Amino acid sequence: VAFTKGPGLMGSLLVGTSFAKSLAF
């Protein structure tokens, strides 16, 4: 699973980051 770490809006990035980490785990 690949995801955008940044740059961008922090709140938006957190949604994608959290989802990707959970799915990969």
mmCIF file of all heavy atoms, coordinates in Angstrom:
data_MODEL
# 
_entry.id   MODEL 
# 
loop_
_atom_site.group_PDB 
_atom_site.id 
_atom_site.type_symbol 
_atom_site.label_atom_id 
_atom_site.label_alt_id 
_atom_site.label_comp_id 
_atom_site.label_asym_id 
_atom_site.label_entity_id 
_atom_site.label_seq_id 
_atom_site.pdbx_PDB_ins_code 
_atom_site.Cartn_x 
_atom_site.Cartn_y 
_atom_site.Cartn_z 
_atom_site.occupancy 
_atom_site.B_iso_or_equiv 
_atom_site.pdbx_formal_charge 
_atom_site.auth_seq_id 
_atom_site.auth_comp_id 
_atom_site.auth_asym_id 
_atom_site.auth_atom_id 
_atom_site.pdbx_PDB_model_num 
ATOM 1   N N   . VAL A 1 1  ? 0.855  -1.184 0.000  1.00 0.00 ? 1  VAL A N   1 
ATOM 2   C CA  . VAL A 1 1  ? 0.000  0.000  0.000  1.00 0.00 ? 1  VAL A CA  1 
ATOM 3   C C   . VAL A 1 1  ? 0.892  1.236  0.000  1.00 0.00 ? 1  VAL A C   1 
ATOM 4   O O   . VAL A 1 1  ? 1.755  1.386  0.877  1.00 0.00 ? 1  VAL A O   1 
ATOM 5   C CB  . VAL A 1 1  ? -0.933 0.036  1.235  1.00 0.00 ? 1  VAL A CB  1 
ATOM 6   C CG1 . VAL A 1 1  ? -1.791 1.296  1.207  1.00 0.00 ? 1  VAL A CG1 1 
ATOM 7   C CG2 . VAL A 1 1  ? -1.804 -1.205 1.285  1.00 0.00 ? 1  VAL A CG2 1 
ATOM 8   N N   . ALA A 1 2  ? 0.699  2.111  -0.979 1.00 0.00 ? 2  ALA A N   1 
ATOM 9   C CA  . ALA A 1 2  ? 1.454  3.361  -1.064 1.00 0.00 ? 2  ALA A CA  1 
ATOM 10  C C   . ALA A 1 2  ? 0.510  4.518  -0.762 1.00 0.00 ? 2  ALA A C   1 
ATOM 11  O O   . ALA A 1 2  ? -0.660 4.488  -1.131 1.00 0.00 ? 2  ALA A O   1 
ATOM 12  C CB  . ALA A 1 2  ? 2.069  3.523  -2.452 1.00 0.00 ? 2  ALA A CB  1 
ATOM 13  N N   . PHE A 1 3  ? 1.016  5.549  -0.096 1.00 0.00 ? 3  PHE A N   1 
ATOM 14  C CA  . PHE A 1 3  ? 0.178  6.678  0.293  1.00 0.00 ? 3  PHE A CA  1 
ATOM 15  C C   . PHE A 1 3  ? 0.970  7.967  0.252  1.00 0.00 ? 3  PHE A C   1 
ATOM 16  O O   . PHE A 1 3  ? 2.207  7.960  0.313  1.00 0.00 ? 3  PHE A O   1 
ATOM 17  C CB  . PHE A 1 3  ? -0.384 6.468  1.710  1.00 0.00 ? 3  PHE A CB  1 
ATOM 18  C CG  . PHE A 1 3  ? 0.677  6.563  2.781  1.00 0.00 ? 3  PHE A CG  1 
ATOM 19  C CD1 . PHE A 1 3  ? 0.871  7.744  3.488  1.00 0.00 ? 3  PHE A CD1 1 
ATOM 20  C CD2 . PHE A 1 3  ? 1.508  5.478  3.059  1.00 0.00 ? 3  PHE A CD2 1 
ATOM 21  C CE1 . PHE A 1 3  ? 1.860  7.841  4.452  1.00 0.00 ? 3  PHE A CE1 1 
ATOM 22  C CE2 . PHE A 1 3  ? 2.492  5.566  4.025  1.00 0.00 ? 3  PHE A CE2 1 
ATOM 23  C CZ  . PHE A 1 3  ? 2.674  6.753  4.727  1.00 0.00 ? 3  PHE A CZ  1 
ATOM 24  N N   . THR A 1 4  ? 0.261  9.084  0.154  1.00 0.00 ? 4  THR A N   1 
ATOM 25  C CA  . THR A 1 4  ? 0.899  10.391 0.161  1.00 0.00 ? 4  THR A CA  1 
ATOM 26  C C   . THR A 1 4  ? 1.265  10.786 1.586  1.00 0.00 ? 4  THR A C   1 
ATOM 27  O O   . THR A 1 4  ? 0.390  10.980 2.434  1.00 0.00 ? 4  THR A O   1 
ATOM 28  C CB  . THR A 1 4  ? -0.023 11.462 -0.437 1.00 0.00 ? 4  THR A CB  1 
ATOM 29  O OG1 . THR A 1 4  ? -0.377 11.085 -1.768 1.00 0.00 ? 4  THR A OG1 1 
ATOM 30  C CG2 . THR A 1 4  ? 0.660  12.814 -0.461 1.00 0.00 ? 4  THR A CG2 1 
ATOM 31  N N   . LYS A 1 5  ? 2.562  10.929 1.839  1.00 0.00 ? 5  LYS A N   1 
ATOM 32  C CA  . LYS A 1 5  ? 3.056  11.365 3.146  1.00 0.00 ? 5  LYS A CA  1 
ATOM 33  C C   . LYS A 1 5  ? 2.987  12.887 3.275  1.00 0.00 ? 5  LYS A C   1 
ATOM 34  O O   . LYS A 1 5  ? 2.779  13.426 4.351  1.00 0.00 ? 5  LYS A O   1 
ATOM 35  C CB  . LYS A 1 5  ? 4.492  10.875 3.337  1.00 0.00 ? 5  LYS A CB  1 
ATOM 36  C CG  . LYS A 1 5  ? 5.146  11.341 4.629  1.00 0.00 ? 5  LYS A CG  1 
ATOM 37  C CD  . LYS A 1 5  ? 6.571  10.830 4.739  1.00 0.00 ? 5  LYS A CD  1 
ATOM 38  C CE  . LYS A 1 5  ? 7.248  11.359 6.003  1.00 0.00 ? 5  LYS A CE  1 
ATOM 39  N NZ  . LYS A 1 5  ? 8.641  10.848 6.132  1.00 0.00 ? 5  LYS A NZ  1 
ATOM 40  N N   . GLY A 1 6  ? 3.170  13.593 2.164  1.00 0.00 ? 6  GLY A N   1 
ATOM 41  C CA  . GLY A 1 6  ? 3.159  15.042 2.142  1.00 0.00 ? 6  GLY A CA  1 
ATOM 42  C C   . GLY A 1 6  ? 3.798  15.520 0.855  1.00 0.00 ? 6  GLY A C   1 
ATOM 43  O O   . GLY A 1 6  ? 4.214  14.693 0.028  1.00 0.00 ? 6  GLY A O   1 
ATOM 44  N N   . PRO A 1 7  ? 3.859  16.805 0.600  1.00 0.00 ? 7  PRO A N   1 
ATOM 45  C CA  . PRO A 1 7  ? 3.248  17.880 1.389  1.00 0.00 ? 7  PRO A CA  1 
ATOM 46  C C   . PRO A 1 7  ? 1.743  17.977 1.117  1.00 0.00 ? 7  PRO A C   1 
ATOM 47  O O   . PRO A 1 7  ? 1.231  17.333 0.209  1.00 0.00 ? 7  PRO A O   1 
ATOM 48  C CB  . PRO A 1 7  ? 3.978  19.123 0.885  1.00 0.00 ? 7  PRO A CB  1 
ATOM 49  C CG  . PRO A 1 7  ? 4.314  18.796 -0.547 1.00 0.00 ? 7  PRO A CG  1 
ATOM 50  C CD  . PRO A 1 7  ? 4.621  17.315 -0.553 1.00 0.00 ? 7  PRO A CD  1 
ATOM 51  N N   . GLY A 1 8  ? 1.059  18.793 1.930  1.00 0.00 ? 8  GLY A N   1 
ATOM 52  C CA  . GLY A 1 8  ? -0.371 18.976 1.755  1.00 0.00 ? 8  GLY A CA  1 
ATOM 53  C C   . GLY A 1 8  ? -1.014 19.488 3.028  1.00 0.00 ? 8  GLY A C   1 
ATOM 54  O O   . GLY A 1 8  ? -0.329 19.978 3.936  1.00 0.00 ? 8  GLY A O   1 
ATOM 55  N N   . LEU A 1 9  ? -2.325 19.397 3.091  1.00 0.00 ? 9  LEU A N   1 
ATOM 56  C CA  . LEU A 1 9  ? -3.064 19.809 4.280  1.00 0.00 ? 9  LEU A CA  1 
ATOM 57  C C   . LEU A 1 9  ? -2.961 18.704 5.327  1.00 0.00 ? 9  LEU A C   1 
ATOM 58  O O   . LEU A 1 9  ? -3.255 17.551 5.037  1.00 0.00 ? 9  LEU A O   1 
ATOM 59  C CB  . LEU A 1 9  ? -4.536 20.065 3.935  1.00 0.00 ? 9  LEU A CB  1 
ATOM 60  C CG  . LEU A 1 9  ? -4.822 21.127 2.873  1.00 0.00 ? 9  LEU A CG  1 
ATOM 61  C CD1 . LEU A 1 9  ? -6.311 21.171 2.557  1.00 0.00 ? 9  LEU A CD1 1 
ATOM 62  C CD2 . LEU A 1 9  ? -4.319 22.492 3.331  1.00 0.00 ? 9  LEU A CD2 1 
ATOM 63  N N   . MET A 1 10 ? -2.553 19.059 6.533  1.00 0.00 ? 10 MET A N   1 
ATOM 64  C CA  . MET A 1 10 ? -2.276 18.053 7.546  1.00 0.00 ? 10 MET A CA  1 
ATOM 65  C C   . MET A 1 10 ? -3.481 17.161 7.842  1.00 0.00 ? 10 MET A C   1 
ATOM 66  O O   . MET A 1 10 ? -3.347 15.926 7.911  1.00 0.00 ? 10 MET A O   1 
ATOM 67  C CB  . MET A 1 10 ? -1.795 18.732 8.835  1.00 0.00 ? 10 MET A CB  1 
ATOM 68  C CG  . MET A 1 10 ? -1.233 17.741 9.841  1.00 0.00 ? 10 MET A CG  1 
ATOM 69  S SD  . MET A 1 10 ? 0.002  16.629 9.105  1.00 0.00 ? 10 MET A SD  1 
ATOM 70  C CE  . MET A 1 10 ? 1.217  16.547 10.376 1.00 0.00 ? 10 MET A CE  1 
ATOM 71  N N   . GLY A 1 11 ? -4.655 17.750 8.017  1.00 0.00 ? 11 GLY A N   1 
ATOM 72  C CA  . GLY A 1 11 ? -5.843 16.951 8.308  1.00 0.00 ? 11 GLY A CA  1 
ATOM 73  C C   . GLY A 1 11 ? -6.152 15.967 7.204  1.00 0.00 ? 11 GLY A C   1 
ATOM 74  O O   . GLY A 1 11 ? -6.520 14.810 7.466  1.00 0.00 ? 11 GLY A O   1 
ATOM 75  N N   . SER A 1 12 ? -5.997 16.408 5.966  1.00 0.00 ? 12 SER A N   1 
ATOM 76  C CA  . SER A 1 12 ? -6.257 15.533 4.819  1.00 0.00 ? 12 SER A CA  1 
ATOM 77  C C   . SER A 1 12 ? -5.227 14.408 4.738  1.00 0.00 ? 12 SER A C   1 
ATOM 78  O O   . SER A 1 12 ? -5.569 13.242 4.502  1.00 0.00 ? 12 SER A O   1 
ATOM 79  C CB  . SER A 1 12 ? -6.230 16.350 3.524  1.00 0.00 ? 12 SER A CB  1 
ATOM 80  O OG  . SER A 1 12 ? -7.283 17.295 3.500  1.00 0.00 ? 12 SER A OG  1 
ATOM 81  N N   . LEU A 1 13 ? -3.959 14.761 4.943  1.00 0.00 ? 13 LEU A N   1 
ATOM 82  C CA  . LEU A 1 13 ? -2.896 13.761 4.900  1.00 0.00 ? 13 LEU A CA  1 
ATOM 83  C C   . LEU A 1 13 ? -3.082 12.694 5.970  1.00 0.00 ? 13 LEU A C   1 
ATOM 84  O O   . LEU A 1 13 ? -2.830 11.509 5.741  1.00 0.00 ? 13 LEU A O   1 
ATOM 85  C CB  . LEU A 1 13 ? -1.536 14.439 5.084  1.00 0.00 ? 13 LEU A CB  1 
ATOM 86  C CG  . LEU A 1 13 ? -1.036 15.321 3.938  1.00 0.00 ? 13 LEU A CG  1 
ATOM 87  C CD1 . LEU A 1 13 ? 0.175  16.144 4.387  1.00 0.00 ? 13 LEU A CD1 1 
ATOM 88  C CD2 . LEU A 1 13 ? -0.671 14.484 2.718  1.00 0.00 ? 13 LEU A CD2 1 
ATOM 89  N N   . LEU A 1 14 ? -3.534 13.113 7.146  1.00 0.00 ? 14 LEU A N   1 
ATOM 90  C CA  . LEU A 1 14 ? -3.705 12.171 8.255  1.00 0.00 ? 14 LEU A CA  1 
ATOM 91  C C   . LEU A 1 14 ? -4.734 11.091 7.933  1.00 0.00 ? 14 LEU A C   1 
ATOM 92  O O   . LEU A 1 14 ? -4.576 9.939  8.345  1.00 0.00 ? 14 LEU A O   1 
ATOM 93  C CB  . LEU A 1 14 ? -4.103 12.919 9.528  1.00 0.00 ? 14 LEU A CB  1 
ATOM 94  C CG  . LEU A 1 14 ? -2.989 13.687 10.235 1.00 0.00 ? 14 LEU A CG  1 
ATOM 95  C CD1 . LEU A 1 14 ? -3.559 14.531 11.370 1.00 0.00 ? 14 LEU A CD1 1 
ATOM 96  C CD2 . LEU A 1 14 ? -1.924 12.724 10.768 1.00 0.00 ? 14 LEU A CD2 1 
ATOM 97  N N   . VAL A 1 15 ? -5.775 11.460 7.199  1.00 0.00 ? 15 VAL A N   1 
ATOM 98  C CA  . VAL A 1 15 ? -6.798 10.470 6.846  1.00 0.00 ? 15 VAL A CA  1 
ATOM 99  C C   . VAL A 1 15 ? -6.196 9.381  5.961  1.00 0.00 ? 15 VAL A C   1 
ATOM 100 O O   . VAL A 1 15 ? -6.357 8.181  6.223  1.00 0.00 ? 15 VAL A O   1 
ATOM 101 C CB  . VAL A 1 15 ? -7.993 11.143 6.135  1.00 0.00 ? 15 VAL A CB  1 
ATOM 102 C CG1 . VAL A 1 15 ? -9.001 10.086 5.674  1.00 0.00 ? 15 VAL A CG1 1 
ATOM 103 C CG2 . VAL A 1 15 ? -8.674 12.147 7.048  1.00 0.00 ? 15 VAL A CG2 1 
ATOM 104 N N   . GLY A 1 16 ? -5.494 9.797  4.911  1.00 0.00 ? 16 GLY A N   1 
ATOM 105 C CA  . GLY A 1 16 ? -4.881 8.824  4.005  1.00 0.00 ? 16 GLY A CA  1 
ATOM 106 C C   . GLY A 1 16 ? -3.790 8.011  4.671  1.00 0.00 ? 16 GLY A C   1 
ATOM 107 O O   . GLY A 1 16 ? -3.679 6.793  4.462  1.00 0.00 ? 16 GLY A O   1 
ATOM 108 N N   . THR A 1 17 ? -2.967 8.685  5.485  1.00 0.00 ? 17 THR A N   1 
ATOM 109 C CA  . THR A 1 17 ? -1.868 8.004  6.176  1.00 0.00 ? 17 THR A CA  1 
ATOM 110 C C   . THR A 1 17 ? -2.405 6.945  7.138  1.00 0.00 ? 17 THR A C   1 
ATOM 111 O O   . THR A 1 17 ? -1.942 5.793  7.143  1.00 0.00 ? 17 THR A O   1 
ATOM 112 C CB  . THR A 1 17 ? -1.015 9.015  6.953  1.00 0.00 ? 17 THR A CB  1 
ATOM 113 O OG1 . THR A 1 17 ? -0.479 9.992  6.054  1.00 0.00 ? 17 THR A OG1 1 
ATOM 114 C CG2 . THR A 1 17 ? 0.140  8.324  7.669  1.00 0.00 ? 17 THR A CG2 1 
ATOM 115 N N   . SER A 1 18 ? -3.387 7.318  7.944  1.00 0.00 ? 18 SER A N   1 
ATOM 116 C CA  . SER A 1 18 ? -3.947 6.390  8.928  1.00 0.00 ? 18 SER A CA  1 
ATOM 117 C C   . SER A 1 18 ? -4.601 5.183  8.254  1.00 0.00 ? 18 SER A C   1 
ATOM 118 O O   . SER A 1 18 ? -4.442 4.037  8.689  1.00 0.00 ? 18 SER A O   1 
ATOM 119 C CB  . SER A 1 18 ? -4.971 7.111  9.815  1.00 0.00 ? 18 SER A CB  1 
ATOM 120 O OG  . SER A 1 18 ? -4.368 8.193  10.498 1.00 0.00 ? 18 SER A OG  1 
ATOM 121 N N   . PHE A 1 19 ? -5.343 5.449  7.174  1.00 0.00 ? 19 PHE A N   1 
ATOM 122 C CA  . PHE A 1 19 ? -6.009 4.358  6.464  1.00 0.00 ? 19 PHE A CA  1 
ATOM 123 C C   . PHE A 1 19 ? -4.981 3.401  5.866  1.00 0.00 ? 19 PHE A C   1 
ATOM 124 O O   . PHE A 1 19 ? -5.108 2.173  5.982  1.00 0.00 ? 19 PHE A O   1 
ATOM 125 C CB  . PHE A 1 19 ? -6.912 4.910  5.371  1.00 0.00 ? 19 PHE A CB  1 
ATOM 126 C CG  . PHE A 1 19 ? -7.694 3.864  4.634  1.00 0.00 ? 19 PHE A CG  1 
ATOM 127 C CD1 . PHE A 1 19 ? -8.952 3.479  5.072  1.00 0.00 ? 19 PHE A CD1 1 
ATOM 128 C CD2 . PHE A 1 19 ? -7.168 3.236  3.506  1.00 0.00 ? 19 PHE A CD2 1 
ATOM 129 C CE1 . PHE A 1 19 ? -9.665 2.488  4.411  1.00 0.00 ? 19 PHE A CE1 1 
ATOM 130 C CE2 . PHE A 1 19 ? -7.873 2.256  2.830  1.00 0.00 ? 19 PHE A CE2 1 
ATOM 131 C CZ  . PHE A 1 19 ? -9.129 1.884  3.290  1.00 0.00 ? 19 PHE A CZ  1 
ATOM 132 N N   . ALA A 1 20 ? -3.947 3.967  5.209  1.00 0.00 ? 20 ALA A N   1 
ATOM 133 C CA  . ALA A 1 20 ? -2.927 3.138  4.559  1.00 0.00 ? 20 ALA A CA  1 
ATOM 134 C C   . ALA A 1 20 ? -2.165 2.295  5.580  1.00 0.00 ? 20 ALA A C   1 
ATOM 135 O O   . ALA A 1 20 ? -1.910 1.102  5.354  1.00 0.00 ? 20 ALA A O   1 
ATOM 136 C CB  . ALA A 1 20 ? -1.961 4.025  3.778  1.00 0.00 ? 20 ALA A CB  1 
ATOM 137 N N   . LYS A 1 21 ? -1.807 2.901  6.702  1.00 0.00 ? 21 LYS A N   1 
ATOM 138 C CA  . LYS A 1 21 ? -1.082 2.171  7.737  1.00 0.00 ? 21 LYS A CA  1 
ATOM 139 C C   . LYS A 1 21 ? -1.928 1.019  8.283  1.00 0.00 ? 21 LYS A C   1 
ATOM 140 O O   . LYS A 1 21 ? -1.437 -0.105 8.463  1.00 0.00 ? 21 LYS A O   1 
ATOM 141 C CB  . LYS A 1 21 ? -0.678 3.121  8.872  1.00 0.00 ? 21 LYS A CB  1 
ATOM 142 C CG  . LYS A 1 21 ? 0.419  4.103  8.483  1.00 0.00 ? 21 LYS A CG  1 
ATOM 143 C CD  . LYS A 1 21 ? 0.620  5.201  9.515  1.00 0.00 ? 21 LYS A CD  1 
ATOM 144 C CE  . LYS A 1 21 ? 1.230  4.693  10.786 1.00 0.00 ? 21 LYS A CE  1 
ATOM 145 N NZ  . LYS A 1 21 ? 1.598  5.807  11.703 1.00 0.00 ? 21 LYS A NZ  1 
ATOM 146 N N   . SER A 1 22 ? -3.192 1.287  8.525  1.00 0.00 ? 22 SER A N   1 
ATOM 147 C CA  . SER A 1 22 ? -4.080 0.258  9.065  1.00 0.00 ? 22 SER A CA  1 
ATOM 148 C C   . SER A 1 22 ? -4.277 -0.885 8.080  1.00 0.00 ? 22 SER A C   1 
ATOM 149 O O   . SER A 1 22 ? -4.251 -2.072 8.457  1.00 0.00 ? 22 SER A O   1 
ATOM 150 C CB  . SER A 1 22 ? -5.436 0.870  9.431  1.00 0.00 ? 22 SER A CB  1 
ATOM 151 O OG  . SER A 1 22 ? -5.296 1.883  10.398 1.00 0.00 ? 22 SER A OG  1 
ATOM 152 N N   . LEU A 1 23 ? -4.480 -0.532 6.804  1.00 0.00 ? 23 LEU A N   1 
ATOM 153 C CA  . LEU A 1 23 ? -4.711 -1.559 5.788  1.00 0.00 ? 23 LEU A CA  1 
ATOM 154 C C   . LEU A 1 23 ? -3.475 -2.430 5.605  1.00 0.00 ? 23 LEU A C   1 
ATOM 155 O O   . LEU A 1 23 ? -3.574 -3.674 5.552  1.00 0.00 ? 23 LEU A O   1 
ATOM 156 C CB  . LEU A 1 23 ? -5.106 -0.904 4.460  1.00 0.00 ? 23 LEU A CB  1 
ATOM 157 C CG  . LEU A 1 23 ? -5.463 -1.863 3.316  1.00 0.00 ? 23 LEU A CG  1 
ATOM 158 C CD1 . LEU A 1 23 ? -6.647 -2.748 3.701  1.00 0.00 ? 23 LEU A CD1 1 
ATOM 159 C CD2 . LEU A 1 23 ? -5.780 -1.070 2.045  1.00 0.00 ? 23 LEU A CD2 1 
ATOM 160 N N   . ALA A 1 24 ? -2.308 -1.791 5.506  1.00 0.00 ? 24 ALA A N   1 
ATOM 161 C CA  . ALA A 1 24 ? -1.068 -2.551 5.328  1.00 0.00 ? 24 ALA A CA  1 
ATOM 162 C C   . ALA A 1 24 ? -0.800 -3.454 6.536  1.00 0.00 ? 24 ALA A C   1 
ATOM 163 O O   . ALA A 1 24 ? -0.375 -4.606 6.383  1.00 0.00 ? 24 ALA A O   1 
ATOM 164 C CB  . ALA A 1 24 ? 0.098  -1.592 5.110  1.00 0.00 ? 24 ALA A CB  1 
ATOM 165 N N   . PHE A 1 25 ? -1.056 -2.929 7.725  1.00 0.00 ? 25 PHE A N   1 
ATOM 166 C CA  . PHE A 1 25 ? -0.851 -3.711 8.946  1.00 0.00 ? 25 PHE A CA  1 
ATOM 167 C C   . PHE A 1 25 ? -1.797 -4.912 8.986  1.00 0.00 ? 25 PHE A C   1 
ATOM 168 O O   . PHE A 1 25 ? -1.393 -6.032 9.312  1.00 0.00 ? 25 PHE A O   1 
ATOM 169 C CB  . PHE A 1 25 ? -1.077 -2.826 10.174 1.00 0.00 ? 25 PHE A CB  1 
ATOM 170 C CG  . PHE A 1 25 ? -0.823 -3.513 11.484 1.00 0.00 ? 25 PHE A CG  1 
ATOM 171 C CD1 . PHE A 1 25 ? 0.467  -3.665 11.961 1.00 0.00 ? 25 PHE A CD1 1 
ATOM 172 C CD2 . PHE A 1 25 ? -1.877 -4.012 12.238 1.00 0.00 ? 25 PHE A CD2 1 
ATOM 173 C CE1 . PHE A 1 25 ? 0.709  -4.315 13.170 1.00 0.00 ? 25 PHE A CE1 1 
ATOM 174 C CE2 . PHE A 1 25 ? -1.658 -4.662 13.443 1.00 0.00 ? 25 PHE A CE2 1 
ATOM 175 C CZ  . PHE A 1 25 ? -0.359 -4.811 13.916 1.00 0.00 ? 25 PHE A CZ  1 
# 
